[in-house]
Amino acid sequence: MGETSFKLLGLSCIILSIFLFLGGLYIPKIMITSWINTVLKILGWMFLLGGIFLYKILKKEND
């Protein structure tokens, strides 16, 4: 994969993590169960770390 592909995939993961964080933090517990909030927050962290890894680290290895 090229440098642009890593940047695009990394930024997509970071953007997705923002939506997962917002869902985990602001959806009231009346609408969904509490374990779904926890899962959304964990997935948000995973996508954020994965996006940073793809955007920064793998991009530099291809240079």
PDB file of N, CA and C in Angstrom:
ATOM      1  N   MET A   1       0.835  -1.175   0.000  1.00  0.00           N
ATOM      2  CA  MET A   1       0.000   0.000   0.000  1.00  0.00           C
ATOM      3  C   MET A   1       0.881   1.240   0.000  1.00  0.00           C
ATOM      4  N   GLY A   2       0.410   2.254  -0.651  1.00  0.00           N
ATOM      5  CA  GLY A   2       1.167   3.482  -0.730  1.00  0.00           C
ATOM      6  C   GLY A   2       0.959   4.375   0.483  1.00  0.00           C
ATOM      7  N   GLU A   3       1.712   5.462   0.502  1.00  0.00           N
ATOM      8  CA  GLU A   3       1.633   6.399   1.619  1.00  0.00           C
ATOM      9  C   GLU A   3       0.249   7.018   1.731  1.00  0.00           C
ATOM     10  N   THR A   4      -0.354   7.327   0.599  1.00  0.00           N
ATOM     11  CA  THR A   4      -1.684   7.933   0.610  1.00  0.00           C
ATOM     12  C   THR A   4      -2.726   6.964   1.160  1.00  0.00           C
ATOM     13  N   SER A   5      -2.581   5.693   0.855  1.00  0.00           N
ATOM     14  CA  SER A   5      -3.526   4.696   1.369  1.00  0.00           C
ATOM     15  C   SER A   5      -3.457   4.603   2.886  1.00  0.00           C
ATOM     16  N   PHE A   6      -2.243   4.611   3.442  1.00  0.00           N
ATOM     17  CA  PHE A   6      -2.095   4.563   4.894  1.00  0.00           C
ATOM     18  C   PHE A   6      -2.685   5.806   5.546  1.00  0.00           C
ATOM     19  N   LYS A   7      -2.455   6.972   4.935  1.00  0.00           N
ATOM     20  CA  LYS A   7      -3.017   8.205   5.481  1.00  0.00           C
ATOM     21  C   LYS A   7      -4.541   8.165   5.460  1.00  0.00           C
ATOM     22  N   LEU A   8      -5.110   7.733   4.346  1.00  0.00           N
ATOM     23  CA  LEU A   8      -6.561   7.689   4.206  1.00  0.00           C
ATOM     24  C   LEU A   8      -7.176   6.698   5.189  1.00  0.00           C
ATOM     25  N   LEU A   9      -6.592   5.525   5.308  1.00  0.00           N
ATOM     26  CA  LEU A   9      -7.107   4.522   6.234  1.00  0.00           C
ATOM     27  C   LEU A   9      -6.950   4.980   7.679  1.00  0.00           C
ATOM     28  N   GLY A  10      -5.824   5.599   7.992  1.00  0.00           N
ATOM     29  CA  GLY A  10      -5.604   6.105   9.345  1.00  0.00           C
ATOM     30  C   GLY A  10      -6.578   7.204   9.714  1.00  0.00           C
ATOM     31  N   LEU A  11      -6.792   8.150   8.807  1.00  0.00           N
ATOM     32  CA  LEU A  11      -7.744   9.227   9.077  1.00  0.00           C
ATOM     33  C   LEU A  11      -9.173   8.704   9.183  1.00  0.00           C
ATOM     34  N   SER A  12      -9.510   7.710   8.389  1.00  0.00           N
ATOM     35  CA  SER A  12     -10.848   7.116   8.474  1.00  0.00           C
ATOM     36  C   SER A  12     -11.066   6.455   9.832  1.00  0.00           C
ATOM     37  N   CYS A  13     -10.055   5.761  10.329  1.00  0.00           N
ATOM     38  CA  CYS A  13     -10.160   5.136  11.654  1.00  0.00           C
ATOM     39  C   CYS A  13     -10.288   6.184  12.751  1.00  0.00           C
ATOM     40  N   ILE A  14      -9.542   7.268  12.637  1.00  0.00           N
ATOM     41  CA  ILE A  14      -9.616   8.328  13.644  1.00  0.00           C
ATOM     42  C   ILE A  14     -10.994   8.983  13.638  1.00  0.00           C
ATOM     43  N   ILE A  15     -11.544   9.238  12.459  1.00  0.00           N
ATOM     44  CA  ILE A  15     -12.882   9.836  12.364  1.00  0.00           C
ATOM     45  C   ILE A  15     -13.935   8.886  12.926  1.00  0.00           C
ATOM     46  N   LEU A  16     -13.821   7.604  12.622  1.00  0.00           N
ATOM     47  CA  LEU A  16     -14.761   6.622  13.157  1.00  0.00           C
ATOM     48  C   LEU A  16     -14.663   6.548  14.678  1.00  0.00           C
ATOM     49  N   SER A  17     -13.454   6.665  15.208  1.00  0.00           N
ATOM     50  CA  SER A  17     -13.289   6.616  16.661  1.00  0.00           C
ATOM     51  C   SER A  17     -13.982   7.794  17.337  1.00  0.00           C
ATOM     52  N   ILE A  18     -13.988   8.955  16.693  1.00  0.00           N
ATOM     53  CA  ILE A  18     -14.673  10.119  17.263  1.00  0.00           C
ATOM     54  C   ILE A  18     -16.170   9.842  17.390  1.00  0.00           C
ATOM     55  N   PHE A  19     -16.762   9.255  16.369  1.00  0.00           N
ATOM     56  CA  PHE A  19     -18.187   8.947  16.431  1.00  0.00           C
ATOM     57  C   PHE A  19     -18.486   7.883  17.487  1.00  0.00           C
ATOM     58  N   LEU A  20     -17.597   6.897  17.628  1.00  0.00           N
ATOM     59  CA  LEU A  20     -17.804   5.879  18.655  1.00  0.00           C
ATOM     60  C   LEU A  20     -17.692   6.478  20.052  1.00  0.00           C
ATOM     61  N   PHE A  21     -16.709   7.368  20.249  1.00  0.00           N
ATOM     62  CA  PHE A  21     -16.590   8.048  21.541  1.00  0.00           C
ATOM     63  C   PHE A  21     -17.836   8.863  21.853  1.00  0.00           C
ATOM     64  N   LEU A  22     -18.304   9.622  20.880  1.00  0.00           N
ATOM     65  CA  LEU A  22     -19.491  10.444  21.106  1.00  0.00           C
ATOM     66  C   LEU A  22     -20.709   9.583  21.431  1.00  0.00           C
ATOM     67  N   GLY A  23     -20.833   8.468  20.739  1.00  0.00           N
ATOM     68  CA  GLY A  23     -21.939   7.564  21.042  1.00  0.00           C
ATOM     69  C   GLY A  23     -21.825   6.976  22.430  1.00  0.00           C
ATOM     70  N   GLY A  24     -20.620   6.584  22.819  1.00  0.00           N
ATOM     71  CA  GLY A  24     -20.430   6.000  24.143  1.00  0.00           C
ATOM     72  C   GLY A  24     -20.589   6.991  25.272  1.00  0.00           C
ATOM     73  N   LEU A  25     -20.294   8.244  25.007  1.00  0.00           N
ATOM     74  CA  LEU A  25     -20.361   9.239  26.075  1.00  0.00           C
ATOM     75  C   LEU A  25     -21.722   9.910  26.199  1.00  0.00           C
ATOM     76  N   TYR A  26     -22.411  10.115  25.080  1.00  0.00           N
ATOM     77  CA  TYR A  26     -23.596  10.966  25.116  1.00  0.00           C
ATOM     78  C   TYR A  26     -24.923  10.271  24.872  1.00  0.00           C
ATOM     79  N   ILE A  27     -24.924   9.015  24.462  1.00  0.00           N
ATOM     80  CA  ILE A  27     -26.207   8.316  24.335  1.00  0.00           C
ATOM     81  C   ILE A  27     -26.666   7.966  25.750  1.00  0.00           C
ATOM     82  N   PRO A  28     -27.861   8.385  26.141  1.00  0.00           N
ATOM     83  CA  PRO A  28     -28.307   8.116  27.513  1.00  0.00           C
ATOM     84  C   PRO A  28     -28.508   6.626  27.764  1.00  0.00           C
ATOM     85  N   LYS A  29     -28.310   6.242  29.009  1.00  0.00           N
ATOM     86  CA  LYS A  29     -28.442   4.830  29.376  1.00  0.00           C
ATOM     87  C   LYS A  29     -29.888   4.355  29.335  1.00  0.00           C
ATOM     88  N   ILE A  30     -30.805   5.288  29.196  1.00  0.00           N
ATOM     89  CA  ILE A  30     -32.211   4.908  29.047  1.00  0.00           C
ATOM     90  C   ILE A  30     -32.424   4.266  27.673  1.00  0.00           C
ATOM     91  N   MET A  31     -31.694   4.742  26.665  1.00  0.00           N
ATOM     92  CA  MET A  31     -31.876   4.252  25.296  1.00  0.00           C
ATOM     93  C   MET A  31     -31.185   2.911  25.064  1.00  0.00           C
ATOM     94  N   ILE A  32     -29.988   2.729  25.633  1.00  0.00           N
ATOM     95  CA  ILE A  32     -29.240   1.487  25.435  1.00  0.00           C
ATOM     96  C   ILE A  32     -28.710   1.012  26.781  1.00  0.00           C
ATOM     97  N   THR A  33     -28.291  -0.230  26.844  1.00  0.00           N
ATOM     98  CA  THR A  33     -27.771  -0.759  28.106  1.00  0.00           C
ATOM     99  C   THR A  33     -26.368  -0.223  28.372  1.00  0.00           C
ATOM    100  N   SER A  34     -25.942  -0.326  29.609  1.00  0.00           N
ATOM    101  CA  SER A  34     -24.661   0.266  30.003  1.00  0.00           C
ATOM    102  C   SER A  34     -23.477  -0.463  29.374  1.00  0.00           C
ATOM    103  N   TRP A  35     -23.599  -1.758  29.089  1.00  0.00           N
ATOM    104  CA  TRP A  35     -22.455  -2.466  28.509  1.00  0.00           C
ATOM    105  C   TRP A  35     -22.193  -2.010  27.076  1.00  0.00           C
ATOM    106  N   ILE A  36     -23.224  -1.534  26.383  1.00  0.00           N
ATOM    107  CA  ILE A  36     -23.012  -1.022  25.024  1.00  0.00           C
ATOM    108  C   ILE A  36     -22.212   0.271  25.078  1.00  0.00           C
ATOM    109  N   ASN A  37     -22.463   1.114  26.085  1.00  0.00           N
ATOM    110  CA  ASN A  37     -21.654   2.323  26.254  1.00  0.00           C
ATOM    111  C   ASN A  37     -20.189   1.965  26.443  1.00  0.00           C
ATOM    112  N   THR A  38     -19.926   0.951  27.256  1.00  0.00           N
ATOM    113  CA  THR A  38     -18.547   0.522  27.497  1.00  0.00           C
ATOM    114  C   THR A  38     -17.913  -0.018  26.223  1.00  0.00           C
ATOM    115  N   VAL A  39     -18.661  -0.804  25.471  1.00  0.00           N
ATOM    116  CA  VAL A  39     -18.142  -1.357  24.213  1.00  0.00           C
ATOM    117  C   VAL A  39     -17.832  -0.237  23.225  1.00  0.00           C
ATOM    118  N   LEU A  40     -18.696   0.768  23.140  1.00  0.00           N
ATOM    119  CA  LEU A  40     -18.453   1.887  22.229  1.00  0.00           C
ATOM    120  C   LEU A  40     -17.191   2.650  22.610  1.00  0.00           C
ATOM    121  N   LYS A  41     -16.968   2.849  23.897  1.00  0.00           N
ATOM    122  CA  LYS A  41     -15.763   3.547  24.343  1.00  0.00           C
ATOM    123  C   LYS A  41     -14.509   2.735  24.050  1.00  0.00           C
ATOM    124  N   ILE A  42     -14.569   1.424  24.283  1.00  0.00           N
ATOM    125  CA  ILE A  42     -13.411   0.565  24.003  1.00  0.00           C
ATOM    126  C   ILE A  42     -13.113   0.538  22.509  1.00  0.00           C
ATOM    127  N   LEU A  43     -14.146   0.406  21.688  1.00  0.00           N
ATOM    128  CA  LEU A  43     -13.937   0.431  20.238  1.00  0.00           C
ATOM    129  C   LEU A  43     -13.402   1.776  19.775  1.00  0.00           C
ATOM    130  N   GLY A  44     -13.858   2.846  20.408  1.00  0.00           N
ATOM    131  CA  GLY A  44     -13.337   4.172  20.087  1.00  0.00           C
ATOM    132  C   GLY A  44     -11.846   4.259  20.345  1.00  0.00           C
ATOM    133  N   TRP A  45     -11.401   3.749  21.494  1.00  0.00           N
ATOM    134  CA  TRP A  45      -9.964   3.743  21.796  1.00  0.00           C
ATOM    135  C   TRP A  45      -9.190   2.881  20.807  1.00  0.00           C
ATOM    136  N   MET A  46      -9.752   1.711  20.466  1.00  0.00           N
ATOM    137  CA  MET A  46      -9.053   0.813  19.539  1.00  0.00           C
ATOM    138  C   MET A  46      -8.901   1.456  18.164  1.00  0.00           C
ATOM    139  N   PHE A  47      -9.959   2.071  17.660  1.00  0.00           N
ATOM    140  CA  PHE A  47      -9.871   2.718  16.351  1.00  0.00           C
ATOM    141  C   PHE A  47      -8.963   3.939  16.385  1.00  0.00           C
ATOM    142  N   LEU A  48      -8.959   4.666  17.501  1.00  0.00           N
ATOM    143  CA  LEU A  48      -8.071   5.819  17.618  1.00  0.00           C
ATOM    144  C   LEU A  48      -6.607   5.385  17.595  1.00  0.00           C
ATOM    145  N   LEU A  49      -6.266   4.385  18.385  1.00  0.00           N
ATOM    146  CA  LEU A  49      -4.884   3.901  18.406  1.00  0.00           C
ATOM    147  C   LEU A  49      -4.493   3.270  17.073  1.00  0.00           C
ATOM    148  N   GLY A  50      -5.415   2.521  16.465  1.00  0.00           N
ATOM    149  CA  GLY A  50      -5.139   1.941  15.152  1.00  0.00           C
ATOM    150  C   GLY A  50      -4.966   2.991  14.077  1.00  0.00           C
ATOM    151  N   GLY A  51      -5.771   4.032  14.127  1.00  0.00           N
ATOM    152  CA  GLY A  51      -5.649   5.115  13.152  1.00  0.00           C
ATOM    153  C   GLY A  51      -4.341   5.864  13.284  1.00  0.00           C
ATOM    154  N   ILE A  52      -3.931   6.126  14.524  1.00  0.00           N
ATOM    155  CA  ILE A  52      -2.643   6.794  14.739  1.00  0.00           C
ATOM    156  C   ILE A  52      -1.505   5.910  14.262  1.00  0.00           C
ATOM    157  N   PHE A  53      -1.604   4.615  14.546  1.00  0.00           N
ATOM    158  CA  PHE A  53      -0.572   3.673  14.100  1.00  0.00           C
ATOM    159  C   PHE A  53      -0.469   3.664  12.581  1.00  0.00           C
ATOM    160  N   LEU A  54      -1.605   3.584  11.904  1.00  0.00           N
ATOM    161  CA  LEU A  54      -1.586   3.566  10.441  1.00  0.00           C
ATOM    162  C   LEU A  54      -1.101   4.888   9.867  1.00  0.00           C
ATOM    163  N   TYR A  55      -1.536   5.989  10.449  1.00  0.00           N
ATOM    164  CA  TYR A  55      -1.215   7.302   9.897  1.00  0.00           C
ATOM    165  C   TYR A  55       0.240   7.675  10.135  1.00  0.00           C
ATOM    166  N   LYS A  56       0.752   7.410  11.317  1.00  0.00           N
ATOM    167  CA  LYS A  56       2.104   7.869  11.658  1.00  0.00           C
ATOM    168  C   LYS A  56       3.172   6.799  11.444  1.00  0.00           C
ATOM    169  N   ILE A  57       3.001   5.650  12.061  1.00  0.00           N
ATOM    170  CA  ILE A  57       4.086   4.668  12.115  1.00  0.00           C
ATOM    171  C   ILE A  57       4.257   3.944  10.786  1.00  0.00           C
ATOM    172  N   LEU A  58       3.188   3.387  10.235  1.00  0.00           N
ATOM    173  CA  LEU A  58       3.331   2.634   8.988  1.00  0.00           C
ATOM    174  C   LEU A  58       3.674   3.544   7.819  1.00  0.00           C
ATOM    175  N   LYS A  59       3.242   4.792   7.889  1.00  0.00           N
ATOM    176  CA  LYS A  59       3.580   5.743   6.831  1.00  0.00           C
ATOM    177  C   LYS A  59       5.090   5.978   6.803  1.00  0.00           C
ATOM    178  N   LYS A  60       5.711   6.071   7.979  1.00  0.00           N
ATOM    179  CA  LYS A  60       7.151   6.316   8.048  1.00  0.00           C
ATOM    180  C   LYS A  60       7.955   5.104   7.609  1.00  0.00           C
ATOM    181  N   GLU A  61       7.437   3.889   7.849  1.00  0.00           N
ATOM    182  CA  GLU A  61       8.156   2.682   7.451  1.00  0.00           C
ATOM    183  C   GLU A  61       8.225   2.540   5.938  1.00  0.00           C
ATOM    184  N   ASN A  62       7.261   3.099   5.220  1.00  0.00           N
ATOM    185  CA  ASN A  62       7.263   3.002   3.761  1.00  0.00           C
ATOM    186  C   ASN A  62       8.196   4.006   3.113  1.00  0.00           C
ATOM    187  N   ASP A  63       8.617   5.037   3.848  1.00  0.00           N
ATOM    188  CA  ASP A  63       9.496   6.063   3.270  1.00  0.00           C
ATOM    189  C   ASP A  63      10.885   5.536   3.016  1.00  0.00           C
TER     190      ASP A  63
END
